[in-house]
Amino acid sequence: MAENSRFLRTFMRITAEAAKVWGPADRIDSDTPVVHKHDDAEKASEEQLAEIEVERDAEGHAYAIRKRHDVA
């Protein structure tokens, strides 16, 4: 039991130090919808994602593969 409390104290100390560096964790309302800005960065991201297909093998591993464009 003492080992668990030592682990917890160490974990809490590390997270407190991380909060000093990066600030506290965001605590946003999960019911709030995501606001899309429809700016150039989002448009570029959508174009990049449109070129990717996700395939899964028999074991369930996912692979991102760029779509092939057949040039005639």
PDB file of N, CA and C in Angstrom:
ATOM      1  N   MET A   1       0.825  -1.198   0.000  1.00  0.00           N
ATOM      2  CA  MET A   1       0.000   0.000   0.000  1.00  0.00           C
ATOM      3  C   MET A   1       0.865   1.256   0.000  1.00  0.00           C
ATOM      4  N   ALA A   2       1.991   1.192   0.700  1.00  0.00           N
ATOM      5  CA  ALA A   2       2.886   2.348   0.748  1.00  0.00           C
ATOM      6  C   ALA A   2       3.440   2.660  -0.635  1.00  0.00           C
ATOM      7  N   GLU A   3       3.636   1.622  -1.444  1.00  0.00           N
ATOM      8  CA  GLU A   3       4.153   1.817  -2.799  1.00  0.00           C
ATOM      9  C   GLU A   3       3.157   2.610  -3.644  1.00  0.00           C
ATOM     10  N   ASN A   4       1.860   2.331  -3.480  1.00  0.00           N
ATOM     11  CA  ASN A   4       0.832   3.057  -4.223  1.00  0.00           C
ATOM     12  C   ASN A   4       0.795   4.523  -3.825  1.00  0.00           C
ATOM     13  N   SER A   5       0.914   4.808  -2.538  1.00  0.00           N
ATOM     14  CA  SER A   5       0.870   6.204  -2.107  1.00  0.00           C
ATOM     15  C   SER A   5       2.113   6.950  -2.585  1.00  0.00           C
ATOM     16  N   ARG A   6       3.257   6.266  -2.627  1.00  0.00           N
ATOM     17  CA  ARG A   6       4.473   6.896  -3.146  1.00  0.00           C
ATOM     18  C   ARG A   6       4.308   7.214  -4.630  1.00  0.00           C
ATOM     19  N   PHE A   7       3.739   6.265  -5.366  1.00  0.00           N
ATOM     20  CA  PHE A   7       3.481   6.491  -6.787  1.00  0.00           C
ATOM     21  C   PHE A   7       2.549   7.681  -6.978  1.00  0.00           C
ATOM     22  N   LEU A   8       1.488   7.745  -6.191  1.00  0.00           N
ATOM     23  CA  LEU A   8       0.520   8.829  -6.311  1.00  0.00           C
ATOM     24  C   LEU A   8       1.162  10.174  -5.992  1.00  0.00           C
ATOM     25  N   ARG A   9       1.968  10.243  -4.938  1.00  0.00           N
ATOM     26  CA  ARG A   9       2.656  11.494  -4.593  1.00  0.00           C
ATOM     27  C   ARG A   9       3.587  11.924  -5.726  1.00  0.00           C
ATOM     28  N   THR A  10       4.320  10.973  -6.279  1.00  0.00           N
ATOM     29  CA  THR A  10       5.232  11.282  -7.382  1.00  0.00           C
ATOM     30  C   THR A  10       4.457  11.765  -8.598  1.00  0.00           C
ATOM     31  N   PHE A  11       3.372  11.085  -8.917  1.00  0.00           N
ATOM     32  CA  PHE A  11       2.546  11.469 -10.057  1.00  0.00           C
ATOM     33  C   PHE A  11       1.978  12.871  -9.872  1.00  0.00           C
ATOM     34  N   MET A  12       1.470  13.160  -8.689  1.00  0.00           N
ATOM     35  CA  MET A  12       0.884  14.478  -8.433  1.00  0.00           C
ATOM     36  C   MET A  12       1.946  15.576  -8.495  1.00  0.00           C
ATOM     37  N   ARG A  13       3.158  15.270  -8.026  1.00  0.00           N
ATOM     38  CA  ARG A  13       4.241  16.250  -8.085  1.00  0.00           C
ATOM     39  C   ARG A  13       4.597  16.547  -9.540  1.00  0.00           C
ATOM     40  N   ILE A  14       4.673  15.506 -10.346  1.00  0.00           N
ATOM     41  CA  ILE A  14       5.005  15.693 -11.760  1.00  0.00           C
ATOM     42  C   ILE A  14       3.923  16.499 -12.472  1.00  0.00           C
ATOM     43  N   THR A  15       2.661  16.199 -12.208  1.00  0.00           N
ATOM     44  CA  THR A  15       1.586  16.945 -12.872  1.00  0.00           C
ATOM     45  C   THR A  15       1.549  18.394 -12.400  1.00  0.00           C
ATOM     46  N   ALA A  16       1.878  18.647 -11.139  1.00  0.00           N
ATOM     47  CA  ALA A  16       1.931  20.023 -10.642  1.00  0.00           C
ATOM     48  C   ALA A  16       3.048  20.796 -11.338  1.00  0.00           C
ATOM     49  N   GLU A  17       4.193  20.149 -11.531  1.00  0.00           N
ATOM     50  CA  GLU A  17       5.300  20.795 -12.242  1.00  0.00           C
ATOM     51  C   GLU A  17       4.916  21.061 -13.696  1.00  0.00           C
ATOM     52  N   ALA A  18       4.240  20.124 -14.322  1.00  0.00           N
ATOM     53  CA  ALA A  18       3.806  20.314 -15.707  1.00  0.00           C
ATOM     54  C   ALA A  18       2.821  21.472 -15.808  1.00  0.00           C
ATOM     55  N   ALA A  19       1.943  21.609 -14.833  1.00  0.00           N
ATOM     56  CA  ALA A  19       0.974  22.707 -14.841  1.00  0.00           C
ATOM     57  C   ALA A  19       1.674  24.053 -14.692  1.00  0.00           C
ATOM     58  N   LYS A  20       2.790  24.086 -13.988  1.00  0.00           N
ATOM     59  CA  LYS A  20       3.549  25.340 -13.864  1.00  0.00           C
ATOM     60  C   LYS A  20       4.123  25.747 -15.215  1.00  0.00           C
ATOM     61  N   VAL A  21       4.523  24.764 -16.002  1.00  0.00           N
ATOM     62  CA  VAL A  21       5.136  25.053 -17.298  1.00  0.00           C
ATOM     63  C   VAL A  21       4.079  25.344 -18.357  1.00  0.00           C
ATOM     64  N   TRP A  22       3.094  24.454 -18.500  1.00  0.00           N
ATOM     65  CA  TRP A  22       2.117  24.566 -19.582  1.00  0.00           C
ATOM     66  C   TRP A  22       0.764  25.104 -19.143  1.00  0.00           C
ATOM     67  N   GLY A  23       0.576  25.369 -17.881  1.00  0.00           N
ATOM     68  CA  GLY A  23      -0.698  25.868 -17.393  1.00  0.00           C
ATOM     69  C   GLY A  23      -1.647  24.730 -17.077  1.00  0.00           C
ATOM     70  N   PRO A  24      -2.772  25.043 -16.462  1.00  0.00           N
ATOM     71  CA  PRO A  24      -3.720  23.992 -16.080  1.00  0.00           C
ATOM     72  C   PRO A  24      -4.386  23.369 -17.306  1.00  0.00           C
ATOM     73  N   ALA A  25      -4.896  22.177 -17.124  1.00  0.00           N
ATOM     74  CA  ALA A  25      -5.608  21.495 -18.204  1.00  0.00           C
ATOM     75  C   ALA A  25      -6.886  22.255 -18.529  1.00  0.00           C
ATOM     76  N   ASP A  26      -7.251  22.258 -19.802  1.00  0.00           N
ATOM     77  CA  ASP A  26      -8.501  22.898 -20.203  1.00  0.00           C
ATOM     78  C   ASP A  26      -9.670  22.126 -19.632  1.00  0.00           C
ATOM     79  N   ARG A  27     -10.640  22.848 -19.172  1.00  0.00           N
ATOM     80  CA  ARG A  27     -11.849  22.217 -18.662  1.00  0.00           C
ATOM     81  C   ARG A  27     -13.035  22.821 -19.407  1.00  0.00           C
ATOM     82  N   ILE A  28     -13.114  22.470 -20.687  1.00  0.00           N
ATOM     83  CA  ILE A  28     -14.197  23.014 -21.495  1.00  0.00           C
ATOM     84  C   ILE A  28     -15.440  22.148 -21.350  1.00  0.00           C
ATOM     85  N   ASP A  29     -16.551  22.719 -21.663  1.00  0.00           N
ATOM     86  CA  ASP A  29     -17.816  21.998 -21.638  1.00  0.00           C
ATOM     87  C   ASP A  29     -17.859  21.072 -22.853  1.00  0.00           C
ATOM     88  N   SER A  30     -17.969  19.780 -22.627  1.00  0.00           N
ATOM     89  CA  SER A  30     -17.943  18.826 -23.738  1.00  0.00           C
ATOM     90  C   SER A  30     -19.193  18.902 -24.606  1.00  0.00           C
ATOM     91  N   ASP A  31     -20.229  19.556 -24.128  1.00  0.00           N
ATOM     92  CA  ASP A  31     -21.445  19.696 -24.925  1.00  0.00           C
ATOM     93  C   ASP A  31     -21.378  20.884 -25.878  1.00  0.00           C
ATOM     94  N   THR A  32     -20.358  21.729 -25.725  1.00  0.00           N
ATOM     95  CA  THR A  32     -20.211  22.886 -26.583  1.00  0.00           C
ATOM     96  C   THR A  32     -19.741  22.429 -27.963  1.00  0.00           C
ATOM     97  N   PRO A  33     -20.430  22.826 -29.026  1.00  0.00           N
ATOM     98  CA  PRO A  33     -20.016  22.386 -30.358  1.00  0.00           C
ATOM     99  C   PRO A  33     -18.690  23.035 -30.774  1.00  0.00           C
ATOM    100  N   VAL A  34     -17.963  22.343 -31.628  1.00  0.00           N
ATOM    101  CA  VAL A  34     -16.705  22.866 -32.144  1.00  0.00           C
ATOM    102  C   VAL A  34     -17.015  23.935 -33.180  1.00  0.00           C
ATOM    103  N   VAL A  35     -16.337  25.061 -33.085  1.00  0.00           N
ATOM    104  CA  VAL A  35     -16.549  26.151 -34.021  1.00  0.00           C
ATOM    105  C   VAL A  35     -15.514  26.036 -35.135  1.00  0.00           C
ATOM    106  N   HIS A  36     -15.995  25.887 -36.359  1.00  0.00           N
ATOM    107  CA  HIS A  36     -15.102  25.812 -37.508  1.00  0.00           C
ATOM    108  C   HIS A  36     -14.955  27.207 -38.098  1.00  0.00           C
ATOM    109  N   LYS A  37     -13.718  27.605 -38.327  1.00  0.00           N
ATOM    110  CA  LYS A  37     -13.456  28.957 -38.810  1.00  0.00           C
ATOM    111  C   LYS A  37     -13.547  29.070 -40.328  1.00  0.00           C
ATOM    112  N   HIS A  38     -13.431  27.940 -41.035  1.00  0.00           N
ATOM    113  CA  HIS A  38     -13.451  27.936 -42.497  1.00  0.00           C
ATOM    114  C   HIS A  38     -12.412  28.905 -43.057  1.00  0.00           C
ATOM    115  N   ASP A  39     -11.226  28.873 -42.452  1.00  0.00           N
ATOM    116  CA  ASP A  39     -10.142  29.721 -42.920  1.00  0.00           C
ATOM    117  C   ASP A  39      -9.220  28.932 -43.849  1.00  0.00           C
ATOM    118  N   ASP A  40      -8.142  29.563 -44.281  1.00  0.00           N
ATOM    119  CA  ASP A  40      -7.224  28.917 -45.229  1.00  0.00           C
ATOM    120  C   ASP A  40      -6.576  27.674 -44.641  1.00  0.00           C
ATOM    121  N   ALA A  41      -6.257  27.704 -43.353  1.00  0.00           N
ATOM    122  CA  ALA A  41      -5.620  26.548 -42.714  1.00  0.00           C
ATOM    123  C   ALA A  41      -6.562  25.350 -42.703  1.00  0.00           C
ATOM    124  N   GLU A  42      -7.839  25.588 -42.401  1.00  0.00           N
ATOM    125  CA  GLU A  42      -8.804  24.486 -42.388  1.00  0.00           C
ATOM    126  C   GLU A  42      -9.026  23.952 -43.798  1.00  0.00           C
ATOM    127  N   LYS A  43      -9.068  24.845 -44.761  1.00  0.00           N
ATOM    128  CA  LYS A  43      -9.252  24.430 -46.146  1.00  0.00           C
ATOM    129  C   LYS A  43      -8.072  23.573 -46.614  1.00  0.00           C
ATOM    130  N   ALA A  44      -6.853  23.980 -46.258  1.00  0.00           N
ATOM    131  CA  ALA A  44      -5.660  23.213 -46.630  1.00  0.00           C
ATOM    132  C   ALA A  44      -5.663  21.850 -45.958  1.00  0.00           C
ATOM    133  N   SER A  45      -6.096  21.803 -44.708  1.00  0.00           N
ATOM    134  CA  SER A  45      -6.166  20.539 -43.980  1.00  0.00           C
ATOM    135  C   SER A  45      -7.176  19.595 -44.623  1.00  0.00           C
ATOM    136  N   GLU A  46      -8.324  20.117 -45.010  1.00  0.00           N
ATOM    137  CA  GLU A  46      -9.346  19.291 -45.659  1.00  0.00           C
ATOM    138  C   GLU A  46      -8.846  18.747 -46.995  1.00  0.00           C
ATOM    139  N   GLU A  47      -8.079  19.560 -47.737  1.00  0.00           N
ATOM    140  CA  GLU A  47      -7.529  19.102 -49.011  1.00  0.00           C
ATOM    141  C   GLU A  47      -6.525  17.973 -48.796  1.00  0.00           C
ATOM    142  N   GLN A  48      -5.702  18.097 -47.751  1.00  0.00           N
ATOM    143  CA  GLN A  48      -4.729  17.043 -47.457  1.00  0.00           C
ATOM    144  C   GLN A  48      -5.431  15.755 -47.041  1.00  0.00           C
ATOM    145  N   LEU A  49      -6.446  15.864 -46.195  1.00  0.00           N
ATOM    146  CA  LEU A  49      -7.156  14.677 -45.732  1.00  0.00           C
ATOM    147  C   LEU A  49      -7.948  14.011 -46.848  1.00  0.00           C
ATOM    148  N   ALA A  50      -8.376  14.787 -47.829  1.00  0.00           N
ATOM    149  CA  ALA A  50      -9.121  14.216 -48.948  1.00  0.00           C
ATOM    150  C   ALA A  50      -8.240  13.298 -49.786  1.00  0.00           C
ATOM    151  N   GLU A  51      -6.923  13.442 -49.682  1.00  0.00           N
ATOM    152  CA  GLU A  51      -5.984  12.626 -50.449  1.00  0.00           C
ATOM    153  C   GLU A  51      -5.570  11.355 -49.717  1.00  0.00           C
ATOM    154  N   ILE A  52      -6.172  11.067 -48.568  1.00  0.00           N
ATOM    155  CA  ILE A  52      -5.762   9.923 -47.753  1.00  0.00           C
ATOM    156  C   ILE A  52      -6.918   8.948 -47.583  1.00  0.00           C
ATOM    157  N   GLU A  53      -6.613   7.662 -47.752  1.00  0.00           N
ATOM    158  CA  GLU A  53      -7.575   6.600 -47.471  1.00  0.00           C
ATOM    159  C   GLU A  53      -7.065   5.797 -46.284  1.00  0.00           C
ATOM    160  N   VAL A  54      -7.959   5.347 -45.441  1.00  0.00           N
ATOM    161  CA  VAL A  54      -7.576   4.514 -44.307  1.00  0.00           C
ATOM    162  C   VAL A  54      -7.965   3.080 -44.623  1.00  0.00           C
ATOM    163  N   GLU A  55      -6.989   2.190 -44.527  1.00  0.00           N
ATOM    164  CA  GLU A  55      -7.237   0.766 -44.761  1.00  0.00           C
ATOM    165  C   GLU A  55      -6.888  -0.001 -43.504  1.00  0.00           C
ATOM    166  N   ARG A  56      -7.578  -1.114 -43.290  1.00  0.00           N
ATOM    167  CA  ARG A  56      -7.316  -1.968 -42.131  1.00  0.00           C
ATOM    168  C   ARG A  56      -6.939  -3.359 -42.609  1.00  0.00           C
ATOM    169  N   ASP A  57      -5.962  -3.946 -41.920  1.00  0.00           N
ATOM    170  CA  ASP A  57      -5.581  -5.310 -42.262  1.00  0.00           C
ATOM    171  C   ASP A  57      -6.426  -6.294 -41.465  1.00  0.00           C
ATOM    172  N   ALA A  58      -6.160  -7.579 -41.637  1.00  0.00           N
ATOM    173  CA  ALA A  58      -6.953  -8.624 -40.990  1.00  0.00           C
ATOM    174  C   ALA A  58      -6.869  -8.568 -39.468  1.00  0.00           C
ATOM    175  N   GLU A  59      -5.774  -8.012 -38.949  1.00  0.00           N
ATOM    176  CA  GLU A  59      -5.607  -7.924 -37.498  1.00  0.00           C
ATOM    177  C   GLU A  59      -6.189  -6.645 -36.912  1.00  0.00           C
ATOM    178  N   GLY A  60      -6.724  -5.767 -37.754  1.00  0.00           N
ATOM    179  CA  GLY A  60      -7.351  -4.550 -37.275  1.00  0.00           C
ATOM    180  C   GLY A  60      -6.442  -3.336 -37.229  1.00  0.00           C
ATOM    181  N   HIS A  61      -5.202  -3.467 -37.728  1.00  0.00           N
ATOM    182  CA  HIS A  61      -4.299  -2.323 -37.761  1.00  0.00           C
ATOM    183  C   HIS A  61      -4.740  -1.363 -38.861  1.00  0.00           C
ATOM    184  N   ALA A  62      -4.691  -0.074 -38.571  1.00  0.00           N
ATOM    185  CA  ALA A  62      -5.098   0.933 -39.543  1.00  0.00           C
ATOM    186  C   ALA A  62      -3.874   1.554 -40.203  1.00  0.00           C
ATOM    187  N   TYR A  63      -3.977   1.767 -41.505  1.00  0.00           N
ATOM    188  CA  TYR A  63      -2.899   2.359 -42.282  1.00  0.00           C
ATOM    189  C   TYR A  63      -3.470   3.495 -43.123  1.00  0.00           C
ATOM    190  N   ALA A  64      -2.778   4.619 -43.141  1.00  0.00           N
ATOM    191  CA  ALA A  64      -3.169   5.733 -43.996  1.00  0.00           C
ATOM    192  C   ALA A  64      -2.389   5.625 -45.292  1.00  0.00           C
ATOM    193  N   ILE A  65      -3.101   5.623 -46.394  1.00  0.00           N
ATOM    194  CA  ILE A  65      -2.478   5.475 -47.705  1.00  0.00           C
ATOM    195  C   ILE A  65      -2.961   6.614 -48.591  1.00  0.00           C
ATOM    196  N   ARG A  66      -2.007   7.235 -49.286  1.00  0.00           N
ATOM    197  CA  ARG A  66      -2.391   8.301 -50.216  1.00  0.00           C
ATOM    198  C   ARG A  66      -3.154   7.698 -51.396  1.00  0.00           C
ATOM    199  N   LYS A  67      -4.199   8.395 -51.826  1.00  0.00           N
ATOM    200  CA  LYS A  67      -4.985   7.932 -52.962  1.00  0.00           C
ATOM    201  C   LYS A  67      -4.135   7.994 -54.221  1.00  0.00           C
ATOM    202  N   ARG A  68      -4.335   7.010 -55.078  1.00  0.00           N
ATOM    203  CA  ARG A  68      -3.613   6.983 -56.347  1.00  0.00           C
ATOM    204  C   ARG A  68      -4.396   7.771 -57.384  1.00  0.00           C
ATOM    205  N   HIS A  69      -3.670   8.550 -58.142  1.00  0.00           N
ATOM    206  CA  HIS A  69      -4.277   9.283 -59.249  1.00  0.00           C
ATOM    207  C   HIS A  69      -3.721   8.692 -60.530  1.00  0.00           C
ATOM    208  N   ASP A  70      -4.565   7.958 -61.230  1.00  0.00           N
ATOM    209  CA  ASP A  70      -4.124   7.352 -62.486  1.00  0.00           C
ATOM    210  C   ASP A  70      -3.993   8.440 -63.544  1.00  0.00           C
ATOM    211  N   VAL A  71      -2.796   8.529 -64.093  1.00  0.00           N
ATOM    212  CA  VAL A  71      -2.536   9.518 -65.139  1.00  0.00           C
ATOM    213  C   VAL A  71      -2.600   8.797 -66.477  1.00  0.00           C
ATOM    214  N   ALA A  72      -3.485   9.263 -67.348  1.00  0.00           N
ATOM    215  CA  ALA A  72      -3.663   8.594 -68.643  1.00  0.00           C
ATOM    216  C   ALA A  72      -2.776   9.175 -69.693  1.00  0.00           C
TER     217      ALA A  72
END
